[in-house]
Protein backbone atom coordinates (compact mmCIF):
# COMPACT_ATOMS: atom_id res chain seq x y z
CA MET A 1 27.30 -6.71 50.05
CA MET A 2 26.75 -5.92 46.38
CA CYS A 3 23.68 -4.79 45.25
CA VAL A 4 22.77 -6.07 41.39
CA MET A 5 20.29 -4.02 39.36
CA THR A 6 18.11 -5.87 37.21
CA LYS A 7 16.28 -3.97 34.21
CA ARG A 8 12.79 -3.74 34.72
CA THR A 9 10.60 -3.92 31.57
CA PRO A 10 9.19 -0.31 30.77
CA THR A 11 5.04 -0.02 31.25
CA GLY A 12 2.48 2.36 30.76
CA ALA A 13 3.72 5.19 27.97
CA ALA A 14 6.83 3.29 27.17
CA VAL A 15 5.44 0.37 25.58
CA LEU A 16 3.34 0.70 22.67
CA GLN A 17 1.01 -2.95 22.68
CA PRO A 18 0.56 -4.17 19.06
CA GLN A 19 -2.84 -4.49 19.70
CA VAL A 20 -3.70 -1.10 19.93
CA THR A 21 -1.82 -0.39 17.41
CA LYS A 22 -3.81 -2.85 15.29
CA ALA A 23 -7.18 -1.64 16.56
CA ILE A 24 -5.80 2.56 16.08
CA THR A 25 -4.74 1.14 12.52
CA GLU A 26 -8.04 0.16 11.74
CA ALA A 27 -10.08 3.08 13.17
CA VAL A 28 -7.71 4.97 10.95
CA LEU A 29 -8.91 3.20 7.56
CA ASP A 30 -12.39 3.21 8.72
CA GLU A 31 -12.65 6.97 9.34
CA LEU A 32 -10.62 7.52 6.17
CA ALA A 33 -13.12 5.58 4.27
CA ARG A 34 -16.19 7.35 6.17
CA THR A 35 -14.79 11.28 6.34
CA GLY A 36 -12.07 11.41 3.53
CA TYR A 37 -8.53 12.85 4.28
CA ALA A 38 -9.34 16.50 5.11
CA ARG A 39 -11.92 15.76 7.55
CA LEU A 40 -10.23 12.95 9.31
CA SER A 41 -9.29 13.76 12.94
CA MET A 42 -7.52 12.03 15.53
CA GLU A 43 -10.30 12.50 18.05
CA ALA A 44 -12.67 10.49 15.57
CA VAL A 45 -9.83 7.82 15.50
CA ALA A 46 -9.00 7.66 18.96
CA LYS A 47 -12.85 7.12 19.58
CA ARG A 48 -13.35 4.94 17.36
CA ALA A 49 -9.98 2.63 18.44
CA GLU A 50 -11.47 3.10 22.15
CA VAL A 51 -8.20 4.83 23.13
CA GLY A 52 -6.53 8.19 24.50
CA LYS A 53 -5.66 10.50 21.78
CA SER A 54 -2.18 10.27 23.78
CA ALA A 55 -2.06 6.65 22.63
CA LEU A 56 -1.82 8.11 18.74
CA TYR A 57 0.64 10.70 19.46
CA ARG A 58 2.81 8.26 20.98
CA ARG A 59 2.86 6.57 17.72
CA TRP A 60 2.87 9.12 15.04
CA PRO A 61 3.55 12.72 15.58
CA SER A 62 0.39 14.08 13.04
CA LYS A 63 -2.56 12.70 11.14
CA GLN A 64 -0.19 12.65 7.68
CA ASP A 65 2.23 10.46 9.63
CA MET A 66 -0.55 8.24 11.16
CA VAL A 67 -2.67 8.09 8.06
CA LEU A 68 0.53 7.01 5.82
CA ALA A 69 1.45 4.54 8.50
CA ALA A 70 -2.17 2.45 8.28
CA LEU A 71 -2.13 2.70 4.90
CA SER A 72 1.31 1.46 4.18
CA GLU A 73 0.91 -1.33 6.54
CA PHE A 74 -2.49 -1.92 4.23
CA SER A 75 -1.03 -1.52 0.77
CA VAL A 76 2.38 -2.57 0.48
CA PRO A 77 2.10 -6.50 1.44
CA LEU A 78 -0.27 -6.80 -1.55
CA ALA A 79 2.36 -5.98 -3.59
CA GLU A 80 4.43 -8.92 -2.76
CA VAL A 81 3.97 -11.45 -5.48
CA GLU A 82 5.15 -15.17 -4.75
CA ASP A 83 7.43 -16.28 -7.33
CA THR A 84 4.90 -18.40 -9.87
CA GLY A 85 8.08 -19.52 -11.90
CA SER A 86 7.42 -17.75 -15.19
CA LEU A 87 6.89 -13.86 -15.98
CA ARG A 88 3.61 -14.87 -17.53
CA GLY A 89 2.52 -16.12 -14.03
CA ASP A 90 4.12 -13.69 -12.15
CA LEU A 91 2.48 -10.97 -13.78
CA LEU A 92 -0.99 -12.36 -14.02
CA ALA A 93 -0.91 -12.35 -9.96
CA THR A 94 0.68 -8.67 -10.28
CA VAL A 95 -2.19 -7.50 -12.06
CA LYS A 96 -4.88 -9.76 -10.10
CA ALA A 97 -3.36 -8.19 -6.70
CA VAL A 98 -3.42 -4.67 -8.06
CA HIS A 99 -7.31 -5.54 -8.92
CA ASP A 100 -7.52 -6.80 -5.45
CA TRP A 101 -5.65 -3.47 -3.54
CA LEU A 102 -7.94 -1.04 -6.04
CA THR A 103 -11.25 -3.22 -5.35
CA HIS A 104 -10.66 -3.46 -1.51
CA PRO A 105 -14.41 -2.01 0.12
CA ARG A 106 -12.35 0.61 2.18
CA PHE A 107 -9.34 1.16 -0.16
CA ALA A 108 -11.65 1.85 -3.59
CA THR A 109 -13.18 4.94 -1.11
CA ILE A 110 -9.78 6.00 0.30
CA LEU A 111 -8.33 5.99 -3.05
CA PRO A 112 -9.92 8.85 -5.00
CA ASP A 113 -10.18 11.54 -1.67
CA LEU A 114 -6.84 10.76 -1.16
CA THR A 115 -5.43 11.12 -4.69
CA ALA A 116 -7.47 14.46 -4.97
CA GLU A 117 -5.67 15.62 -1.60
CA ALA A 118 -2.43 15.00 -2.95
CA VAL A 119 -2.69 16.91 -6.18
CA ARG A 120 -3.58 20.06 -3.72
CA SER A 121 -0.63 18.71 -1.33
CA PRO A 122 2.92 18.19 -2.57
CA ALA A 123 3.95 17.49 0.45
CA LEU A 124 1.37 14.87 1.14
CA SER A 125 2.07 13.51 -2.78
CA GLU A 126 5.73 13.44 -2.11
CA ALA A 127 5.26 11.20 1.22
CA ILE A 128 2.79 8.69 -0.56
CA ALA A 129 5.50 8.66 -3.35
CA LYS A 130 7.46 7.61 -0.59
CA THR A 131 5.83 5.11 1.75
CA ILE A 132 3.11 3.47 -0.36
CA GLY A 133 4.53 3.99 -4.12
CA GLY A 134 8.05 3.80 -3.83
CA PRO A 135 8.09 0.57 -1.44
CA ARG A 136 5.07 -0.94 -3.80
CA ARG A 137 7.27 -0.28 -6.76
CA ALA A 138 10.59 -1.71 -5.51
CA LEU A 139 8.47 -5.27 -5.17
CA GLY A 140 7.08 -4.92 -8.29
CA ALA A 141 10.93 -4.35 -9.84
CA VAL A 142 11.87 -7.80 -7.68
CA THR A 143 9.50 -10.00 -10.09
CA LEU A 144 11.21 -8.32 -13.15
CA ARG A 145 14.69 -8.93 -12.11
CA ARG A 146 13.18 -13.03 -11.68
CA ALA A 147 12.43 -12.55 -15.13
CA ILE A 148 15.88 -11.13 -15.87
CA ASP A 149 17.32 -13.88 -14.23
CA ARG A 150 15.25 -16.37 -15.89
CA GLY A 151 16.20 -15.06 -19.72
CA GLU A 152 12.42 -13.85 -19.78
CA LEU A 153 13.15 -10.46 -20.12
CA PRO A 154 16.50 -8.74 -21.38
CA PRO A 155 18.83 -7.21 -18.97
CA ASP A 156 17.70 -3.81 -20.33
CA VAL A 157 14.25 -3.53 -20.05
CA ASP A 158 13.12 -0.46 -18.47
CA PHE A 159 11.93 -0.92 -15.17
CA GLU A 160 10.13 2.62 -14.59
CA ILE A 161 8.21 1.85 -17.90
CA ALA A 162 7.52 -1.78 -17.51
CA LEU A 163 5.97 -0.90 -13.71
CA ASP A 164 3.95 1.53 -15.39
CA LEU A 165 2.28 -0.72 -17.86
CA VAL A 166 1.76 -3.27 -15.30
CA ALA A 167 -0.16 -1.09 -13.02
CA ALA A 168 -1.90 1.31 -15.07
CA PRO A 169 -4.50 -0.53 -16.75
CA VAL A 170 -5.93 -1.74 -14.40
CA TYR A 171 -5.97 1.45 -12.20
CA TRP A 172 -7.44 3.59 -15.10
CA ARG A 173 -9.91 0.79 -15.96
CA LEU A 174 -10.95 0.87 -12.64
CA SER A 175 -10.63 4.43 -11.45
CA VAL A 176 -11.11 6.58 -14.01
CA ARG A 177 -13.18 4.73 -16.74
CA GLN A 178 -15.07 2.98 -13.96
CA VAL A 179 -15.52 0.20 -15.95
CA GLU A 180 -15.87 -3.66 -14.14
CA VAL A 181 -12.88 -5.95 -14.94
CA GLU A 182 -13.97 -8.92 -16.92
CA PRO A 183 -13.49 -12.48 -15.43
CA ASP A 184 -10.90 -12.80 -18.36
CA TYR A 185 -9.57 -9.15 -18.78
CA PRO A 186 -6.41 -10.20 -16.36
CA GLU A 187 -5.25 -12.90 -18.70
CA ARG A 188 -5.92 -10.61 -21.78
CA LEU A 189 -3.95 -7.74 -20.20
CA VAL A 190 -0.91 -9.89 -19.32
CA ASP A 191 -0.83 -11.17 -23.03
CA HIS A 192 -0.68 -7.56 -24.53
CA LEU A 193 1.89 -6.69 -21.51
CA LEU A 194 4.18 -9.74 -22.66
CA ARG A 195 3.91 -8.74 -26.19
CA ALA A 196 4.68 -4.92 -24.46
CA LEU A 197 7.80 -5.96 -22.90
CA GLN A 198 9.00 -8.13 -26.12
CA CYS A 199 9.15 -11.53 -24.43
């Protein structure tokens, strides 16, 4: 008689439960906002998430990997802007999305600290660019390509400068100047952006 072996679903350490990963991610963001990157510890994150420290290390090999995974999961989707049908509409949606990202209660506290840490650590700076900056800019480039396809932008538009132009004013106003964004600021900014991009 032939014995047929069935594959068992792995249990325990072999399974990464999504709800646990979500709880850890939320705990990472809370701890980052509370203590900053340098003082954040795996122990504090595990305690806040109500999991063992081994649950963290099964997902990420280091604090940096854990932090960047959590920040990427939060930050990258916010850069995805649906097609509004026009470059002006897309830019307005993008400016508002950047504003919402930078003014998020937790992220508004995390960003200045993380920026300072990145200045001191080239490795961290490079990792941030790879996991957060790069993917966000790639989503922004989708908006520009749509405008080229519609004939609203010339095919030779400088993507690097255009992407800087869209996000930088909002960051400068909120994070550097620390000036409130008035209700009509996005509209005014987009009008200037369209002129700068020669539309």
